[in-house]
N, C-alpha and C. Protein backbone atom coordinates (compact mmCIF):
# COMPACT_ATOMS: atom_id res chain seq x y z
N UNK A 1 13.94 -13.48 -8.94
CA UNK A 1 13.10 -12.30 -8.79
C UNK A 1 13.99 -11.07 -8.96
N UNK A 2 13.56 -10.19 -9.84
CA UNK A 2 14.31 -8.97 -10.15
C UNK A 2 13.46 -7.74 -9.90
N UNK A 3 14.10 -6.67 -9.44
CA UNK A 3 13.41 -5.41 -9.21
C UNK A 3 12.81 -4.91 -10.52
N UNK A 4 13.55 -5.03 -11.59
CA UNK A 4 13.10 -4.52 -12.89
C UNK A 4 11.82 -5.18 -13.39
N UNK A 5 11.46 -6.35 -12.81
CA UNK A 5 10.24 -7.05 -13.19
C UNK A 5 9.02 -6.60 -12.40
N UNK A 6 9.20 -5.60 -11.54
CA UNK A 6 8.10 -5.05 -10.72
C UNK A 6 7.32 -6.13 -9.98
N UNK A 7 8.00 -6.88 -9.11
CA UNK A 7 7.29 -7.93 -8.36
C UNK A 7 6.17 -7.36 -7.50
N UNK A 8 5.13 -8.18 -7.31
CA UNK A 8 3.91 -7.75 -6.64
C UNK A 8 3.54 -8.74 -5.54
N UNK A 9 2.92 -8.22 -4.51
CA UNK A 9 2.34 -9.05 -3.46
C UNK A 9 0.91 -8.59 -3.25
N UNK A 10 0.00 -9.54 -2.99
CA UNK A 10 -1.39 -9.18 -2.71
C UNK A 10 -1.98 -10.17 -1.73
N UNK A 11 -2.94 -9.67 -0.97
CA UNK A 11 -3.67 -10.50 -0.01
C UNK A 11 -5.15 -10.13 -0.14
N UNK A 12 -6.00 -11.17 -0.13
CA UNK A 12 -7.44 -10.98 -0.21
C UNK A 12 -8.09 -11.66 0.99
N UNK A 13 -9.05 -10.97 1.60
CA UNK A 13 -9.80 -11.55 2.71
C UNK A 13 -11.28 -11.33 2.51
N UNK A 14 -12.06 -12.31 2.89
CA UNK A 14 -13.52 -12.20 2.89
C UNK A 14 -13.92 -11.59 4.23
N UNK A 15 -14.68 -10.50 4.17
CA UNK A 15 -15.09 -9.81 5.38
C UNK A 15 -16.60 -9.61 5.33
N UNK A 16 -17.27 -10.01 6.39
CA UNK A 16 -18.72 -9.89 6.45
C UNK A 16 -19.10 -8.44 6.77
N UNK A 17 -19.30 -7.68 5.72
CA UNK A 17 -19.69 -6.28 5.83
C UNK A 17 -20.27 -5.84 4.50
N UNK A 18 -20.68 -4.60 4.43
CA UNK A 18 -21.20 -4.06 3.18
C UNK A 18 -20.07 -3.44 2.36
N UNK A 19 -20.24 -3.32 1.06
CA UNK A 19 -19.23 -2.64 0.27
C UNK A 19 -18.97 -1.21 0.75
N UNK A 20 -20.02 -0.49 1.14
CA UNK A 20 -19.85 0.89 1.59
C UNK A 20 -19.01 0.97 2.86
N UNK A 21 -19.25 0.05 3.80
CA UNK A 21 -18.47 0.07 5.05
C UNK A 21 -17.01 -0.27 4.78
N UNK A 22 -16.77 -1.25 3.92
CA UNK A 22 -15.38 -1.61 3.58
C UNK A 22 -14.71 -0.45 2.84
N UNK A 23 -15.43 0.16 1.92
CA UNK A 23 -14.89 1.27 1.14
C UNK A 23 -14.49 2.43 2.05
N UNK A 24 -15.32 2.72 3.03
CA UNK A 24 -15.01 3.81 3.95
C UNK A 24 -13.68 3.57 4.66
N UNK A 25 -13.39 2.34 5.00
CA UNK A 25 -12.12 2.05 5.68
C UNK A 25 -10.94 2.01 4.70
N UNK A 26 -11.10 1.37 3.54
CA UNK A 26 -9.95 1.27 2.64
C UNK A 26 -9.57 2.61 2.04
N UNK A 27 -10.48 3.57 2.03
CA UNK A 27 -10.14 4.90 1.51
C UNK A 27 -9.72 5.86 2.62
N UNK A 28 -9.62 5.37 3.82
CA UNK A 28 -9.07 6.16 4.93
C UNK A 28 -7.56 6.03 4.86
N UNK A 29 -6.86 7.05 4.38
CA UNK A 29 -5.42 6.92 4.18
C UNK A 29 -4.66 6.72 5.48
N UNK A 30 -5.31 6.95 6.62
CA UNK A 30 -4.66 6.71 7.91
C UNK A 30 -4.79 5.26 8.39
N UNK A 31 -5.58 4.45 7.71
CA UNK A 31 -5.76 3.06 8.11
C UNK A 31 -4.42 2.35 8.37
N UNK A 32 -3.45 2.37 7.43
CA UNK A 32 -2.20 1.66 7.69
C UNK A 32 -1.40 2.21 8.88
N UNK A 33 -1.59 3.46 9.22
CA UNK A 33 -0.85 4.00 10.38
C UNK A 33 -1.36 3.38 11.67
N UNK A 34 -2.58 2.88 11.65
CA UNK A 34 -3.16 2.25 12.84
C UNK A 34 -2.81 0.77 12.95
N UNK A 35 -2.37 0.14 11.85
CA UNK A 35 -2.24 -1.31 11.87
C UNK A 35 -0.90 -1.85 11.37
N UNK A 36 -0.25 -1.17 10.48
CA UNK A 36 0.99 -1.65 9.90
C UNK A 36 2.17 -0.97 10.61
N UNK A 37 3.22 -1.70 10.90
CA UNK A 37 4.30 -1.12 11.69
C UNK A 37 5.17 -0.08 10.97
N UNK A 38 5.17 -0.04 9.66
CA UNK A 38 6.11 0.82 8.94
C UNK A 38 5.61 2.24 8.71
N UNK A 39 4.39 2.40 8.25
CA UNK A 39 3.86 3.73 7.98
C UNK A 39 3.48 4.40 9.30
N UNK A 40 4.12 5.50 9.59
CA UNK A 40 3.95 6.17 10.87
C UNK A 40 2.88 7.26 10.83
N UNK A 41 2.82 8.01 9.73
CA UNK A 41 1.83 9.08 9.61
C UNK A 41 1.60 9.40 8.14
N UNK A 42 0.44 10.00 7.88
CA UNK A 42 0.10 10.45 6.53
C UNK A 42 -0.60 11.80 6.64
N UNK A 43 -0.49 12.58 5.57
CA UNK A 43 -1.18 13.87 5.53
C UNK A 43 -1.45 14.22 4.07
N UNK A 44 -2.66 14.71 3.84
CA UNK A 44 -3.01 15.16 2.51
C UNK A 44 -2.15 16.36 2.12
N UNK A 45 -1.89 16.52 0.83
CA UNK A 45 -1.14 17.65 0.30
C UNK A 45 -2.12 18.68 -0.23
N UNK A 46 -1.88 19.94 0.11
CA UNK A 46 -2.71 21.03 -0.41
C UNK A 46 -4.14 20.94 0.07
N UNK A 47 -5.08 21.13 -0.86
CA UNK A 47 -6.50 21.12 -0.52
C UNK A 47 -7.11 19.72 -0.55
N UNK A 48 -6.33 18.71 -0.86
CA UNK A 48 -6.86 17.34 -0.95
C UNK A 48 -7.38 16.90 0.42
N UNK A 49 -8.50 16.18 0.40
CA UNK A 49 -9.04 15.67 1.66
C UNK A 49 -9.78 14.35 1.47
N UNK A 50 -9.63 13.75 0.30
CA UNK A 50 -10.32 12.49 0.03
C UNK A 50 -9.64 11.77 -1.13
N UNK A 51 -9.99 10.52 -1.29
CA UNK A 51 -9.46 9.72 -2.39
C UNK A 51 -10.10 10.17 -3.68
N UNK A 52 -9.30 10.77 -4.56
CA UNK A 52 -9.72 11.21 -5.88
C UNK A 52 -8.49 11.26 -6.77
N UNK A 53 -8.67 10.94 -8.03
CA UNK A 53 -7.55 10.93 -8.98
C UNK A 53 -6.86 12.30 -8.96
N UNK A 54 -5.54 12.25 -8.84
CA UNK A 54 -4.72 13.46 -8.83
C UNK A 54 -4.40 13.97 -7.44
N UNK A 55 -5.17 13.58 -6.43
CA UNK A 55 -4.87 14.01 -5.06
C UNK A 55 -3.59 13.34 -4.58
N UNK A 56 -2.88 14.06 -3.73
CA UNK A 56 -1.59 13.59 -3.22
C UNK A 56 -1.59 13.56 -1.70
N UNK A 57 -0.73 12.68 -1.18
CA UNK A 57 -0.52 12.65 0.26
C UNK A 57 0.92 12.28 0.56
N UNK A 58 1.38 12.73 1.73
CA UNK A 58 2.74 12.47 2.21
C UNK A 58 2.67 11.38 3.26
N UNK A 59 3.58 10.42 3.18
CA UNK A 59 3.69 9.38 4.19
C UNK A 59 5.05 9.45 4.86
N UNK A 60 5.06 9.22 6.16
CA UNK A 60 6.31 9.15 6.91
C UNK A 60 6.46 7.72 7.42
N UNK A 61 7.61 7.15 7.11
CA UNK A 61 7.86 5.73 7.35
C UNK A 61 9.05 5.52 8.27
N UNK A 62 9.02 4.36 8.94
CA UNK A 62 10.14 3.96 9.79
C UNK A 62 10.31 2.45 9.66
N UNK A 63 11.58 2.05 9.50
CA UNK A 63 11.92 0.63 9.35
C UNK A 63 13.21 0.38 10.12
N UNK A 64 13.30 -0.72 10.87
CA UNK A 64 14.50 -0.95 11.69
C UNK A 64 15.81 -0.99 10.89
N UNK A 65 15.79 -1.52 9.67
CA UNK A 65 17.02 -1.61 8.87
C UNK A 65 17.18 -0.47 7.87
N UNK A 66 16.07 0.15 7.45
CA UNK A 66 16.13 1.17 6.41
C UNK A 66 16.09 2.59 6.95
N UNK A 67 15.75 2.74 8.22
CA UNK A 67 15.72 4.07 8.83
C UNK A 67 14.37 4.74 8.65
N UNK A 68 14.39 6.08 8.58
CA UNK A 68 13.17 6.87 8.44
C UNK A 68 13.22 7.64 7.12
N UNK A 69 12.06 7.80 6.50
CA UNK A 69 11.97 8.54 5.25
C UNK A 69 10.53 8.98 5.02
N UNK A 70 10.39 9.92 4.11
CA UNK A 70 9.07 10.40 3.70
C UNK A 70 8.88 10.09 2.22
N UNK A 71 7.62 9.91 1.85
CA UNK A 71 7.27 9.67 0.46
C UNK A 71 6.11 10.57 0.07
N UNK A 72 5.98 10.81 -1.22
CA UNK A 72 4.79 11.47 -1.72
C UNK A 72 4.09 10.51 -2.66
N UNK A 73 2.79 10.40 -2.50
CA UNK A 73 1.98 9.50 -3.32
C UNK A 73 0.93 10.30 -4.07
N UNK A 74 0.60 9.82 -5.25
CA UNK A 74 -0.46 10.42 -6.06
C UNK A 74 -1.47 9.33 -6.40
N UNK A 75 -2.74 9.67 -6.27
CA UNK A 75 -3.80 8.73 -6.59
C UNK A 75 -3.99 8.73 -8.11
N UNK A 76 -3.90 7.55 -8.71
CA UNK A 76 -3.92 7.45 -10.17
C UNK A 76 -5.16 6.77 -10.72
N UNK A 77 -5.95 6.14 -9.86
CA UNK A 77 -7.14 5.45 -10.34
C UNK A 77 -8.15 5.34 -9.20
N UNK A 78 -9.41 5.61 -9.50
CA UNK A 78 -10.49 5.42 -8.52
C UNK A 78 -11.72 4.91 -9.26
N UNK A 79 -12.26 3.82 -8.77
CA UNK A 79 -13.56 3.31 -9.21
C UNK A 79 -14.37 3.23 -7.92
N UNK A 80 -15.27 4.18 -7.70
CA UNK A 80 -15.97 4.30 -6.43
C UNK A 80 -16.53 2.98 -5.92
N UNK A 81 -16.27 2.76 -4.65
CA UNK A 81 -16.69 1.58 -3.90
C UNK A 81 -16.14 0.28 -4.47
N UNK A 82 -15.13 0.35 -5.36
CA UNK A 82 -14.55 -0.87 -5.93
C UNK A 82 -13.03 -0.91 -5.85
N UNK A 83 -12.35 0.20 -6.24
CA UNK A 83 -10.88 0.12 -6.38
C UNK A 83 -10.30 1.51 -6.35
N UNK A 84 -9.15 1.61 -5.66
CA UNK A 84 -8.35 2.83 -5.79
C UNK A 84 -6.89 2.44 -5.77
N UNK A 85 -6.10 3.20 -6.55
CA UNK A 85 -4.69 2.89 -6.75
C UNK A 85 -3.89 4.17 -6.58
N UNK A 86 -2.75 4.06 -5.88
CA UNK A 86 -1.86 5.20 -5.74
C UNK A 86 -0.43 4.78 -6.02
N UNK A 87 0.34 5.75 -6.47
CA UNK A 87 1.75 5.51 -6.75
C UNK A 87 2.60 6.35 -5.82
N UNK A 88 3.58 5.68 -5.22
CA UNK A 88 4.60 6.38 -4.46
C UNK A 88 5.60 6.86 -5.50
N UNK A 89 5.81 8.16 -5.56
CA UNK A 89 6.56 8.72 -6.68
C UNK A 89 7.97 9.15 -6.32
N UNK A 90 8.81 9.10 -7.33
CA UNK A 90 10.15 9.68 -7.28
C UNK A 90 10.25 10.46 -8.58
N UNK A 91 9.94 11.73 -8.52
CA UNK A 91 9.82 12.50 -9.75
C UNK A 91 8.53 12.09 -10.44
N UNK A 92 8.61 11.71 -11.69
CA UNK A 92 7.42 11.33 -12.44
C UNK A 92 7.16 9.83 -12.43
N UNK A 93 8.12 9.04 -11.98
CA UNK A 93 7.97 7.59 -12.03
C UNK A 93 7.65 7.02 -10.66
N UNK A 94 6.91 5.91 -10.62
CA UNK A 94 6.60 5.29 -9.32
C UNK A 94 7.75 4.42 -8.81
N UNK A 95 8.00 4.53 -7.52
CA UNK A 95 8.92 3.57 -6.88
C UNK A 95 8.11 2.40 -6.35
N UNK A 96 6.81 2.60 -6.20
CA UNK A 96 5.88 1.53 -5.80
C UNK A 96 4.47 1.96 -6.21
N UNK A 97 3.65 0.97 -6.45
CA UNK A 97 2.23 1.20 -6.73
C UNK A 97 1.45 0.32 -5.78
N UNK A 98 0.42 0.91 -5.17
CA UNK A 98 -0.40 0.21 -4.18
C UNK A 98 -1.86 0.32 -4.58
N UNK A 99 -2.66 -0.62 -4.13
CA UNK A 99 -4.09 -0.54 -4.39
C UNK A 99 -4.91 -1.30 -3.37
N UNK A 100 -6.14 -0.85 -3.23
CA UNK A 100 -7.18 -1.55 -2.47
C UNK A 100 -8.32 -1.84 -3.43
N UNK A 101 -8.95 -3.01 -3.27
CA UNK A 101 -10.10 -3.37 -4.07
C UNK A 101 -11.16 -3.96 -3.16
N UNK A 102 -12.41 -3.68 -3.46
CA UNK A 102 -13.56 -4.22 -2.73
C UNK A 102 -14.47 -4.90 -3.74
N UNK A 103 -14.65 -6.20 -3.59
CA UNK A 103 -15.53 -6.96 -4.48
C UNK A 103 -16.75 -7.40 -3.69
N UNK A 104 -17.93 -6.87 -4.04
CA UNK A 104 -19.13 -7.22 -3.28
C UNK A 104 -19.57 -8.65 -3.53
N UNK A 105 -20.15 -9.22 -2.47
CA UNK A 105 -20.74 -10.56 -2.55
C UNK A 105 -22.13 -10.51 -1.93
N UNK A 106 -22.73 -11.67 -1.78
CA UNK A 106 -24.10 -11.71 -1.25
C UNK A 106 -24.17 -11.27 0.21
N UNK A 107 -23.31 -11.78 1.06
CA UNK A 107 -23.37 -11.45 2.48
C UNK A 107 -22.01 -11.00 3.03
N UNK A 108 -21.10 -10.72 2.14
CA UNK A 108 -19.76 -10.30 2.54
C UNK A 108 -19.09 -9.63 1.35
N UNK A 109 -17.91 -9.10 1.58
CA UNK A 109 -17.10 -8.54 0.49
C UNK A 109 -15.72 -9.19 0.53
N UNK A 110 -15.08 -9.18 -0.61
CA UNK A 110 -13.67 -9.53 -0.66
C UNK A 110 -12.91 -8.22 -0.67
N UNK A 111 -11.99 -8.07 0.27
CA UNK A 111 -11.14 -6.88 0.32
C UNK A 111 -9.74 -7.34 -0.04
N UNK A 112 -9.17 -6.67 -1.00
CA UNK A 112 -7.83 -7.01 -1.50
C UNK A 112 -6.95 -5.78 -1.39
N UNK A 113 -5.74 -5.98 -0.87
CA UNK A 113 -4.73 -4.94 -0.94
C UNK A 113 -3.52 -5.55 -1.63
N UNK A 114 -2.86 -4.75 -2.44
CA UNK A 114 -1.69 -5.22 -3.16
C UNK A 114 -0.66 -4.10 -3.26
N UNK A 115 0.58 -4.50 -3.49
CA UNK A 115 1.66 -3.55 -3.70
C UNK A 115 2.62 -4.09 -4.75
N UNK A 116 3.14 -3.20 -5.57
CA UNK A 116 4.07 -3.58 -6.65
C UNK A 116 5.30 -2.70 -6.57
N UNK A 117 6.46 -3.29 -6.59
CA UNK A 117 7.73 -2.56 -6.60
C UNK A 117 8.00 -1.94 -7.96
N UNK A 118 8.67 -0.79 -7.95
CA UNK A 118 9.19 -0.19 -9.17
C UNK A 118 8.17 0.65 -9.91
N UNK A 119 8.58 1.25 -10.92
CA UNK A 119 9.73 0.97 -11.75
C UNK A 119 10.93 1.89 -11.50
N UNK A 120 10.71 3.02 -10.87
CA UNK A 120 11.82 3.94 -10.59
C UNK A 120 12.71 3.39 -9.48
N UNK A 121 13.98 3.76 -9.49
CA UNK A 121 14.87 3.36 -8.40
C UNK A 121 14.37 3.90 -7.06
N UNK A 122 14.59 3.11 -6.02
CA UNK A 122 14.16 3.47 -4.67
C UNK A 122 15.29 3.18 -3.69
N UNK A 123 15.00 3.35 -2.41
CA UNK A 123 15.97 2.98 -1.38
C UNK A 123 16.34 1.51 -1.48
N UNK A 124 15.39 0.68 -1.85
CA UNK A 124 15.66 -0.74 -2.02
C UNK A 124 16.65 -0.97 -3.17
N UNK A 125 16.57 -0.14 -4.20
CA UNK A 125 17.50 -0.25 -5.34
C UNK A 125 18.94 -0.05 -4.88
N UNK A 126 19.12 0.88 -3.94
CA UNK A 126 20.47 1.13 -3.43
C UNK A 126 21.00 -0.07 -2.66
N UNK A 127 20.14 -0.73 -1.90
CA UNK A 127 20.54 -1.93 -1.17
C UNK A 127 20.91 -3.03 -2.16
N UNK A 128 20.12 -3.19 -3.20
CA UNK A 128 20.40 -4.20 -4.22
C UNK A 128 21.71 -3.89 -4.95
N UNK A 129 21.94 -2.61 -5.26
CA UNK A 129 23.17 -2.24 -5.95
C UNK A 129 24.40 -2.56 -5.13
N UNK A 130 24.29 -2.47 -3.81
CA UNK A 130 25.43 -2.76 -2.93
C UNK A 130 25.73 -4.26 -2.86
N UNK A 131 24.70 -5.08 -3.05
CA UNK A 131 24.88 -6.54 -2.99
C UNK A 131 24.02 -7.20 -4.08
N UNK A 132 24.38 -7.00 -5.35
CA UNK A 132 23.53 -7.48 -6.44
C UNK A 132 23.32 -9.00 -6.44
N UNK A 133 24.25 -9.73 -5.91
CA UNK A 133 24.09 -11.19 -5.86
C UNK A 133 22.96 -11.62 -4.92
N UNK A 134 22.50 -10.72 -4.08
CA UNK A 134 21.43 -11.02 -3.12
C UNK A 134 20.08 -10.41 -3.54
N UNK A 135 19.98 -9.94 -4.79
CA UNK A 135 18.78 -9.23 -5.22
C UNK A 135 17.49 -10.01 -4.95
N UNK A 136 17.46 -11.29 -5.33
CA UNK A 136 16.23 -12.08 -5.14
C UNK A 136 15.87 -12.18 -3.66
N UNK A 137 16.86 -12.40 -2.81
CA UNK A 137 16.58 -12.51 -1.37
C UNK A 137 16.13 -11.19 -0.79
N UNK A 138 16.74 -10.09 -1.22
CA UNK A 138 16.37 -8.76 -0.73
C UNK A 138 14.92 -8.46 -1.10
N UNK A 139 14.57 -8.73 -2.34
CA UNK A 139 13.20 -8.47 -2.79
C UNK A 139 12.21 -9.38 -2.07
N UNK A 140 12.55 -10.66 -1.94
CA UNK A 140 11.65 -11.59 -1.25
C UNK A 140 11.43 -11.14 0.19
N UNK A 141 12.47 -10.69 0.86
CA UNK A 141 12.33 -10.21 2.24
C UNK A 141 11.43 -8.98 2.29
N UNK A 142 11.64 -8.05 1.35
CA UNK A 142 10.83 -6.83 1.35
C UNK A 142 9.37 -7.13 1.05
N UNK A 143 9.12 -8.01 0.10
CA UNK A 143 7.74 -8.38 -0.20
C UNK A 143 7.09 -9.11 0.97
N UNK A 144 7.86 -9.90 1.70
CA UNK A 144 7.32 -10.56 2.90
C UNK A 144 6.95 -9.52 3.95
N UNK A 145 7.75 -8.46 4.08
CA UNK A 145 7.40 -7.38 5.01
C UNK A 145 6.14 -6.68 4.55
N UNK A 146 6.05 -6.41 3.26
CA UNK A 146 4.84 -5.78 2.72
C UNK A 146 3.62 -6.67 2.98
N UNK A 147 3.77 -7.98 2.74
CA UNK A 147 2.65 -8.89 2.97
C UNK A 147 2.21 -8.86 4.43
N UNK A 148 3.17 -8.85 5.34
CA UNK A 148 2.82 -8.78 6.77
C UNK A 148 2.06 -7.49 7.07
N UNK A 149 2.48 -6.38 6.48
CA UNK A 149 1.78 -5.11 6.68
C UNK A 149 0.38 -5.15 6.09
N UNK A 150 0.24 -5.74 4.91
CA UNK A 150 -1.08 -5.86 4.28
C UNK A 150 -1.99 -6.72 5.15
N UNK A 151 -1.47 -7.84 5.63
CA UNK A 151 -2.29 -8.71 6.50
C UNK A 151 -2.71 -7.96 7.76
N UNK A 152 -1.82 -7.14 8.30
CA UNK A 152 -2.17 -6.33 9.48
C UNK A 152 -3.28 -5.33 9.13
N UNK A 153 -3.19 -4.72 7.96
CA UNK A 153 -4.24 -3.78 7.53
C UNK A 153 -5.59 -4.48 7.40
N UNK A 154 -5.61 -5.65 6.77
CA UNK A 154 -6.87 -6.36 6.57
C UNK A 154 -7.43 -6.86 7.90
N UNK A 155 -6.56 -7.30 8.80
CA UNK A 155 -7.02 -7.68 10.14
C UNK A 155 -7.56 -6.46 10.87
N UNK A 156 -6.93 -5.31 10.65
CA UNK A 156 -7.40 -4.08 11.26
C UNK A 156 -8.77 -3.67 10.74
N UNK A 157 -9.00 -3.85 9.44
CA UNK A 157 -10.32 -3.57 8.87
C UNK A 157 -11.36 -4.45 9.55
N UNK A 158 -11.05 -5.72 9.65
CA UNK A 158 -11.98 -6.66 10.29
C UNK A 158 -12.26 -6.23 11.73
N UNK A 159 -11.22 -5.86 12.46
CA UNK A 159 -11.39 -5.44 13.86
C UNK A 159 -12.20 -4.15 13.97
N UNK A 160 -11.90 -3.19 13.10
CA UNK A 160 -12.61 -1.92 13.15
C UNK A 160 -14.09 -2.07 12.81
N UNK A 161 -14.40 -3.09 12.02
CA UNK A 161 -15.79 -3.36 11.67
C UNK A 161 -16.47 -4.25 12.71
N UNK A 162 -15.69 -4.75 13.67
CA UNK A 162 -16.25 -5.62 14.69
C UNK A 162 -16.53 -7.03 14.20
N UNK A 163 -15.78 -7.46 13.19
CA UNK A 163 -15.98 -8.81 12.62
C UNK A 163 -15.09 -9.83 13.32
């Protein structure tokens, strides 16, 4: 596994709710601050106040091994009540791309969250550069942390909906 290959992790859960109710939660940018241990706070940039292409938000993160840092994200894709995608940016390039998707069903929805590393260098790139022989293990560990955070978010959605 290589950083340059933009490895991805995703988790999908079936949740007994309506697409509108799921959409309301997945487009709440504060959702991960309530359920995932790494993202501590978020705030819209400028006049932005909702998920829309071009809107930006700042995230403040904390990790036991990586310390504290802030990121700026830009929303790059929105399909109402179905999918939204944002990129954590470093200049013009993404250091990570994240998305939520809601797939309606007869009596439930599938909610999917995913994250993809790269392509711009990030804090993780610096760790890999210091120990390049451990790149695959470093990435696997980071993706496992992301997966745990995603699972916490999806469990949080289920709990907030009373499912």
